[in-house]
């Protein structure tokens, strides 16, 4: 059983009916040469990786480019198709004067399950006071945050704003808010590992940069860049499965992790149990 904590529904056919908007989304997110896919086909692909739930990530940097690339309402539209399968996150541009109200509505009215932020796209450090207002909303509603961490392939992003160590003060100031530094902060995986070990509220996921194959990448990161037994012995409770679909199909990512040597108790945590705790699904 698997929970995929990192899926961008940019190519979900249900939200790709406006061609001009779809083309702009592909330009912003660098999803070129890709076509929209039917939900039924996508769910069959997810089933190949034994995925039972997927976390859908929107993106709102509309203070800069006018409209959100993937809106909270579009996420809600997809979740409503199968609320037992889809877990929708919200995104709000903190530069908007009504950002706190928008995020509150996303939690109260749209019933979304967390917040997604890309500071590299916003060109804001994670400790910016405008962002802290959103963290306070998450703290109030007990919602987790998934941050883009590490290098970003998207157009018009600046990596210095998403270096893993820039999130340390957020972890300290908001200890009750669970935060995920997505992509294992690649290429700064050791820095990410340090934060996983030090802070109870810091998590990460495996949606990393696939320079070669998932199998080769996971072997490089978890057995060469990090110590051979670090995952099992030091932060088995902090790493969650994430594919970064549609950049890579979840089944390829899952097969890459299947080939990685780890204790079976760790594998269960990575594939499912850690996400259950991060997302607050225990109840």
Protein backbone atom coordinates (compact mmCIF):
# COMPACT_ATOMS: atom_id res chain seq x y z
CA UNK A 1 0.00 0.00 0.00
CA UNK A 2 1.34 3.43 -1.01
CA UNK A 3 0.47 7.08 -0.51
CA UNK A 4 1.96 9.36 -3.16
CA UNK A 5 2.60 12.69 -1.43
CA UNK A 6 3.67 14.63 -4.51
CA UNK A 7 1.51 14.78 -7.62
CA UNK A 8 0.96 17.87 -9.78
CA UNK A 9 -2.42 17.43 -11.52
CA UNK A 10 -1.36 19.81 -14.29
CA UNK A 11 -2.32 17.29 -16.99
CA UNK A 12 -5.59 16.05 -15.51
CA UNK A 13 -8.03 16.39 -18.38
CA UNK A 14 -10.80 17.68 -16.10
CA UNK A 15 -8.90 20.95 -15.56
CA UNK A 16 -7.34 21.24 -19.03
CA UNK A 17 -10.38 22.22 -21.09
CA UNK A 18 -9.21 25.81 -21.61
CA UNK A 19 -6.39 25.42 -24.16
CA UNK A 20 -4.88 28.86 -23.61
CA UNK A 21 -4.76 28.30 -19.86
CA UNK A 22 -3.36 24.78 -20.34
CA UNK A 23 -0.59 26.02 -22.64
CA UNK A 24 0.35 28.72 -20.14
CA UNK A 25 0.46 26.14 -17.34
CA UNK A 26 2.82 23.95 -19.35
CA UNK A 27 5.05 26.95 -20.05
CA UNK A 28 5.19 27.91 -16.36
CA UNK A 29 5.81 24.37 -15.09
CA UNK A 30 7.96 23.12 -17.99
CA UNK A 31 5.52 20.34 -18.87
CA UNK A 32 6.10 20.47 -22.61
CA UNK A 33 5.37 17.70 -25.13
CA UNK A 34 2.76 16.31 -22.72
CA UNK A 35 -0.96 15.93 -23.26
CA UNK A 36 -3.92 15.87 -20.85
CA UNK A 37 -4.91 12.44 -19.55
CA UNK A 38 -8.25 10.98 -18.52
CA UNK A 39 -8.70 10.41 -14.82
CA UNK A 40 -9.52 6.74 -15.32
CA UNK A 41 -6.27 6.16 -17.19
CA UNK A 42 -4.25 7.96 -14.52
CA UNK A 43 -5.84 5.92 -11.75
CA UNK A 44 -4.95 2.71 -13.59
CA UNK A 45 -1.34 3.91 -13.76
CA UNK A 46 -1.38 4.64 -10.03
CA UNK A 47 -2.76 1.17 -9.35
CA UNK A 48 0.37 -0.32 -10.92
CA UNK A 49 2.29 1.17 -7.97
CA UNK A 50 -0.31 -0.01 -5.42
CA UNK A 51 -1.19 3.63 -4.68
CA UNK A 52 -4.26 4.04 -2.47
CA UNK A 53 -4.14 7.82 -1.98
CA UNK A 54 -2.51 10.69 -3.86
CA UNK A 55 -1.79 14.22 -2.65
CA UNK A 56 -2.65 16.80 -5.31
CA UNK A 57 -0.58 19.99 -5.32
CA UNK A 58 -1.81 23.32 -6.75
CA UNK A 59 0.32 26.39 -7.42
CA UNK A 60 -0.59 30.02 -6.84
CA UNK A 61 1.95 32.70 -7.69
CA UNK A 62 -0.77 34.93 -9.09
CA UNK A 63 0.67 38.06 -7.49
CA UNK A 64 3.30 37.82 -10.21
CA UNK A 65 1.49 36.36 -13.22
CA UNK A 66 -2.18 37.21 -12.76
CA UNK A 67 -3.86 33.85 -12.14
CA UNK A 68 -2.94 30.68 -10.30
CA UNK A 69 -1.38 27.97 -12.44
CA UNK A 70 -3.49 25.34 -10.66
CA UNK A 71 -6.21 26.81 -8.45
CA UNK A 72 -7.60 25.55 -5.16
CA UNK A 73 -10.98 25.27 -6.85
CA UNK A 74 -9.51 23.01 -9.54
CA UNK A 75 -8.00 20.81 -6.83
CA UNK A 76 -11.39 20.63 -5.12
CA UNK A 77 -12.99 19.73 -8.46
CA UNK A 78 -10.71 16.71 -8.80
CA UNK A 79 -11.02 15.65 -5.15
CA UNK A 80 -14.80 15.61 -5.49
CA UNK A 81 -14.46 12.99 -8.22
CA UNK A 82 -13.11 10.52 -5.66
CA UNK A 83 -12.65 11.96 -2.14
CA UNK A 84 -11.52 8.59 -0.78
CA UNK A 85 -8.60 8.53 -3.20
CA UNK A 86 -7.55 12.16 -3.67
CA UNK A 87 -6.15 14.40 -0.94
CA UNK A 88 -6.12 18.02 -2.02
CA UNK A 89 -3.73 20.70 -0.83
CA UNK A 90 -4.19 24.45 -1.13
CA UNK A 91 -1.89 27.14 -2.48
CA UNK A 92 -2.14 30.87 -1.79
CA UNK A 93 0.14 33.66 -2.94
CA UNK A 94 1.23 35.33 0.32
CA UNK A 95 1.68 38.65 -1.50
CA UNK A 96 -2.08 39.02 -1.85
CA UNK A 97 -3.73 41.34 0.64
CA UNK A 98 -6.40 38.70 1.38
CA UNK A 99 -4.04 35.71 1.52
CA UNK A 100 -5.05 34.72 5.06
CA UNK A 101 -8.73 34.83 4.12
CA UNK A 102 -8.12 32.75 0.99
CA UNK A 103 -6.27 30.05 2.91
CA UNK A 104 -8.92 30.02 5.62
CA UNK A 105 -11.58 29.51 2.96
CA UNK A 106 -9.52 26.71 1.40
CA UNK A 107 -9.55 24.87 4.73
CA UNK A 108 -13.06 25.73 5.89
CA UNK A 109 -15.08 25.84 2.66
CA UNK A 110 -13.09 23.71 0.21
CA UNK A 111 -12.02 21.25 2.94
CA UNK A 112 -8.46 21.03 1.59
CA UNK A 113 -5.93 19.15 3.66
CA UNK A 114 -2.76 21.24 3.72
CA UNK A 115 -0.71 24.01 2.12
CA UNK A 116 1.81 23.84 -0.75
CA UNK A 117 4.41 26.61 -1.11
CA UNK A 118 7.19 27.12 -3.64
CA UNK A 119 9.44 29.85 -2.24
CA UNK A 120 11.76 29.59 -5.26
CA UNK A 121 8.86 30.57 -7.49
CA UNK A 122 7.69 33.29 -5.11
CA UNK A 123 11.27 34.58 -4.69
CA UNK A 124 10.68 34.86 -0.97
CA UNK A 125 12.64 33.35 1.89
CA UNK A 126 10.58 30.95 4.04
CA UNK A 127 10.92 33.31 7.03
CA UNK A 128 9.20 36.20 5.25
CA UNK A 129 6.51 37.72 7.46
CA UNK A 130 3.90 37.38 4.73
CA UNK A 131 4.50 33.64 4.65
CA UNK A 132 4.41 33.41 8.42
CA UNK A 133 0.81 34.65 8.35
CA UNK A 134 -0.05 31.55 6.33
CA UNK A 135 1.88 29.28 8.69
CA UNK A 136 -0.24 30.65 11.53
CA UNK A 137 -3.39 29.62 9.67
CA UNK A 138 -1.97 26.12 9.23
CA UNK A 139 -1.13 26.04 12.92
CA UNK A 140 -4.68 27.07 13.83
CA UNK A 141 -6.29 24.42 11.62
CA UNK A 142 -3.63 21.76 12.28
CA UNK A 143 -2.75 21.46 8.60
CA UNK A 144 0.67 20.35 7.25
CA UNK A 145 2.78 22.26 4.75
CA UNK A 146 4.66 20.86 1.77
CA UNK A 147 7.48 23.17 0.70
CA UNK A 148 9.37 22.86 -2.53
CA UNK A 149 12.98 22.43 -1.34
CA UNK A 150 16.18 22.31 -3.36
CA UNK A 151 16.56 23.07 -7.05
CA UNK A 152 13.49 23.87 -9.12
CA UNK A 153 13.15 23.11 -12.82
CA UNK A 154 10.25 25.50 -13.27
CA UNK A 155 10.52 28.68 -15.27
CA UNK A 156 11.55 31.83 -13.41
CA UNK A 157 12.61 30.24 -10.12
CA UNK A 158 15.56 31.15 -7.87
CA UNK A 159 17.04 28.28 -5.89
CA UNK A 160 18.53 30.34 -3.05
CA UNK A 161 15.03 30.84 -1.68
CA UNK A 162 14.43 27.10 -1.35
CA UNK A 163 17.73 25.84 0.06
CA UNK A 164 16.81 23.34 2.82
CA UNK A 165 18.62 25.24 5.58
CA UNK A 166 16.44 28.30 4.93
CA UNK A 167 13.54 26.35 6.49
CA UNK A 168 15.21 25.68 9.84
CA UNK A 169 13.82 28.77 11.53
CA UNK A 170 10.32 27.87 10.36
CA UNK A 171 10.69 24.46 12.01
CA UNK A 172 11.78 26.15 15.23
CA UNK A 173 9.13 28.89 15.28
CA UNK A 174 6.23 26.59 14.33
CA UNK A 175 6.96 23.28 16.10
CA UNK A 176 3.31 22.20 16.00
CA UNK A 177 3.14 22.48 12.20
CA UNK A 178 4.37 19.45 10.26
CA UNK A 179 6.46 20.54 7.28
CA UNK A 180 7.72 18.48 4.37
CA UNK A 181 10.85 19.62 2.55
CA UNK A 182 9.97 17.99 -0.74
CA UNK A 183 12.43 16.38 -3.17
CA UNK A 184 14.73 15.56 -0.21
CA UNK A 185 16.04 19.08 -0.80
CA UNK A 186 18.09 17.73 -3.72
CA UNK A 187 20.97 18.28 -4.27
CA UNK A 188 21.38 19.25 -0.60
CA UNK A 189 20.39 15.86 0.77
CA UNK A 190 22.80 15.94 3.72
CA UNK A 191 21.44 19.28 4.87
CA UNK A 192 17.92 17.90 4.60
CA UNK A 193 18.94 14.81 6.57
CA UNK A 194 20.32 17.04 9.34
CA UNK A 195 16.95 18.78 9.70
CA UNK A 196 15.08 15.45 9.69
CA UNK A 197 17.21 14.23 12.57
CA UNK A 198 17.04 17.47 14.57
CA UNK A 199 13.36 18.51 14.31
CA UNK A 200 10.35 16.36 15.11
CA UNK A 201 8.08 18.32 12.75
CA UNK A 202 10.30 18.07 9.63
CA UNK A 203 9.62 15.44 6.95
CA UNK A 204 10.72 14.94 3.35
CA UNK A 205 9.70 12.90 0.32
CA UNK A 206 11.35 10.93 -2.46
CA UNK A 207 10.18 13.14 -5.36
CA UNK A 208 13.75 13.88 -6.39
CA UNK A 209 15.47 15.03 -9.56
CA UNK A 210 15.74 11.99 -11.83
CA UNK A 211 19.09 12.55 -13.49
CA UNK A 212 19.10 8.94 -14.67
CA UNK A 213 16.67 6.23 -13.53
CA UNK A 214 14.86 6.24 -10.17
CA UNK A 215 16.71 3.08 -9.22
CA UNK A 216 20.12 4.65 -9.87
CA UNK A 217 19.17 7.90 -8.21
CA UNK A 218 17.88 6.30 -5.02
CA UNK A 219 21.00 4.14 -4.83
CA UNK A 220 23.16 7.26 -5.23
CA UNK A 221 21.30 9.32 -2.61
CA UNK A 222 20.52 6.71 0.03
CA UNK A 223 23.67 4.58 -0.20
CA UNK A 224 26.39 6.95 -1.42
CA UNK A 225 25.49 10.56 -0.59
CA UNK A 226 24.05 9.42 2.74
CA UNK A 227 25.35 6.61 4.93
CA UNK A 228 24.29 3.11 3.96
CA UNK A 229 22.10 2.65 7.05
CA UNK A 230 21.07 6.26 7.72
CA UNK A 231 17.54 5.78 6.43
CA UNK A 232 16.91 2.71 8.56
CA UNK A 233 18.65 3.95 11.69
CA UNK A 234 18.18 7.72 11.78
CA UNK A 235 15.12 9.02 9.94
CA UNK A 236 12.94 6.07 8.95
CA UNK A 237 9.97 7.94 10.43
CA UNK A 238 10.51 11.06 8.31
CA UNK A 239 10.69 10.01 4.65
CA UNK A 240 7.53 9.67 2.53
CA UNK A 241 6.98 8.32 -0.96
CA UNK A 242 6.53 10.99 -3.64
CA UNK A 243 6.75 10.57 -7.38
CA UNK A 244 6.63 14.18 -8.68
CA UNK A 245 4.20 13.02 -11.37
CA UNK A 246 3.77 13.91 -14.21
CA UNK A 247 7.55 14.36 -14.51
CA UNK A 248 7.83 10.66 -13.84
CA UNK A 249 5.21 7.95 -13.55
CA UNK A 250 4.66 6.81 -9.98
CA UNK A 251 5.18 3.16 -10.93
CA UNK A 252 8.74 3.92 -12.09
CA UNK A 253 9.49 5.72 -8.85
CA UNK A 254 7.98 2.87 -6.83
CA UNK A 255 10.04 0.26 -8.70
CA UNK A 256 13.17 2.28 -8.02
CA UNK A 257 12.47 2.25 -4.30
CA UNK A 258 11.48 -1.42 -4.40
CA UNK A 259 15.01 -2.16 -5.60
CA UNK A 260 16.61 -0.18 -2.77
CA UNK A 261 17.85 -2.21 0.17
CA UNK A 262 16.09 -1.22 3.40
CA UNK A 263 14.42 -2.95 6.32
CA UNK A 264 10.84 -3.97 5.65
CA UNK A 265 9.62 -1.95 8.63
CA UNK A 266 11.27 1.10 7.05
CA UNK A 267 9.70 0.36 3.67
CA UNK A 268 6.23 0.33 5.21
CA UNK A 269 6.90 3.67 6.83
CA UNK A 270 8.18 5.25 3.61
CA UNK A 271 5.36 3.93 1.46
CA UNK A 272 2.45 4.60 3.76
CA UNK A 273 2.76 5.01 7.52
CA UNK A 274 4.75 8.25 7.61
CA UNK A 275 2.31 9.94 5.24
CA UNK A 276 -0.62 8.82 7.40
CA UNK A 277 0.95 10.60 10.36
CA UNK A 278 2.04 13.68 8.36
CA UNK A 279 -1.40 14.11 6.82
CA UNK A 280 -3.25 13.44 10.06
CA UNK A 281 -5.13 10.45 8.66
CA UNK A 282 -4.92 8.35 11.83
CA UNK A 283 -8.48 9.22 12.86
